[in-house]
Amino acid sequence: MRFRFERCKEKGKIIKIWDNSDFANKELKEARDDLKSAEKSINGDNPNV
């Protein structure tokens, strides 16, 4: 398994990413908003549909 991991790293398929808590929090908020909208749509309460 370690060999396959190293090979993927060398090919650039695995890269290091930096912590971006602000971006993650923004994405989480948007996902929650999407979920609320979907729930309203299912219940027929969404005027945007």
C-alpha atoms as a PDB file:
ATOM      1  CA  MET A   1       0.000   0.000   0.000  1.00  0.00           C
ATOM      2  CA  ARG A   2       2.789   2.412   0.851  1.00  0.00           C
ATOM      3  CA  PHE A   3       4.351   1.869  -2.589  1.00  0.00           C
ATOM      4  CA  ARG A   4       1.089   2.729  -4.359  1.00  0.00           C
ATOM      5  CA  PHE A   5       0.702   5.859  -2.214  1.00  0.00           C
ATOM      6  CA  GLU A   6       4.217   7.023  -3.024  1.00  0.00           C
ATOM      7  CA  ARG A   7       3.685   6.324  -6.726  1.00  0.00           C
ATOM      8  CA  CYS A   8       0.500   8.420  -6.734  1.00  0.00           C
ATOM      9  CA  LYS A   9       2.349  11.225  -4.959  1.00  0.00           C
ATOM     10  CA  GLU A  10       5.115  11.152  -7.555  1.00  0.00           C
ATOM     11  CA  LYS A  11       2.598  11.310 -10.391  1.00  0.00           C
ATOM     12  CA  GLY A  12       0.971  14.357  -8.794  1.00  0.00           C
ATOM     13  CA  LYS A  13      -2.317  12.608  -8.052  1.00  0.00           C
ATOM     14  CA  ILE A  14      -1.945  13.356  -4.347  1.00  0.00           C
ATOM     15  CA  ILE A  15      -1.003  16.876  -3.357  1.00  0.00           C
ATOM     16  CA  LYS A  16      -0.741  18.766  -0.097  1.00  0.00           C
ATOM     17  CA  ILE A  17      -3.502  21.259   0.547  1.00  0.00           C
ATOM     18  CA  TRP A  18      -3.445  24.006   3.126  1.00  0.00           C
ATOM     19  CA  ASP A  19      -6.001  24.494   5.871  1.00  0.00           C
ATOM     20  CA  ASN A  20      -8.583  27.053   4.872  1.00  0.00           C
ATOM     21  CA  SER A  21     -11.128  27.063   7.674  1.00  0.00           C
ATOM     22  CA  ASP A  22     -12.872  30.176   6.337  1.00  0.00           C
ATOM     23  CA  PHE A  23     -13.542  28.490   2.999  1.00  0.00           C
ATOM     24  CA  ALA A  24     -14.692  25.285   4.687  1.00  0.00           C
ATOM     25  CA  ASN A  25     -17.068  27.219   6.940  1.00  0.00           C
ATOM     26  CA  LYS A  26     -18.486  29.076   3.927  1.00  0.00           C
ATOM     27  CA  GLU A  27     -19.048  25.805   2.058  1.00  0.00           C
ATOM     28  CA  LEU A  28     -20.707  24.272   5.127  1.00  0.00           C
ATOM     29  CA  LYS A  29     -23.066  27.257   5.450  1.00  0.00           C
ATOM     30  CA  GLU A  30     -23.997  27.013   1.779  1.00  0.00           C
ATOM     31  CA  ALA A  31     -24.647  23.283   2.136  1.00  0.00           C
ATOM     32  CA  ARG A  32     -26.935  23.927   5.107  1.00  0.00           C
ATOM     33  CA  ASP A  33     -28.791  26.600   3.126  1.00  0.00           C
ATOM     34  CA  ASP A  34     -29.178  24.181   0.196  1.00  0.00           C
ATOM     35  CA  LEU A  35     -30.540  21.532   2.540  1.00  0.00           C
ATOM     36  CA  LYS A  36     -33.075  23.959   4.019  1.00  0.00           C
ATOM     37  CA  SER A  37     -34.165  24.982   0.526  1.00  0.00           C
ATOM     38  CA  ALA A  38     -34.555  21.350  -0.532  1.00  0.00           C
ATOM     39  CA  GLU A  39     -36.597  20.565   2.575  1.00  0.00           C
ATOM     40  CA  LYS A  40     -38.881  23.536   1.884  1.00  0.00           C
ATOM     41  CA  SER A  41     -39.244  22.459  -1.727  1.00  0.00           C
ATOM     42  CA  ILE A  42     -40.260  18.953  -0.696  1.00  0.00           C
ATOM     43  CA  ASN A  43     -42.891  20.419   1.644  1.00  0.00           C
ATOM     44  CA  GLY A  44     -44.160  22.822  -1.032  1.00  0.00           C
ATOM     45  CA  ASP A  45     -43.077  25.878   0.957  1.00  0.00           C
ATOM     46  CA  ASN A  46     -40.423  27.203  -1.449  1.00  0.00           C
ATOM     47  CA  PRO A  47     -41.616  30.141  -3.574  1.00  0.00           C
ATOM     48  CA  ASN A  48     -38.346  30.046  -5.589  1.00  0.00           C
ATOM     49  CA  VAL A  49     -39.319  26.823  -7.339  1.00  0.00           C
END
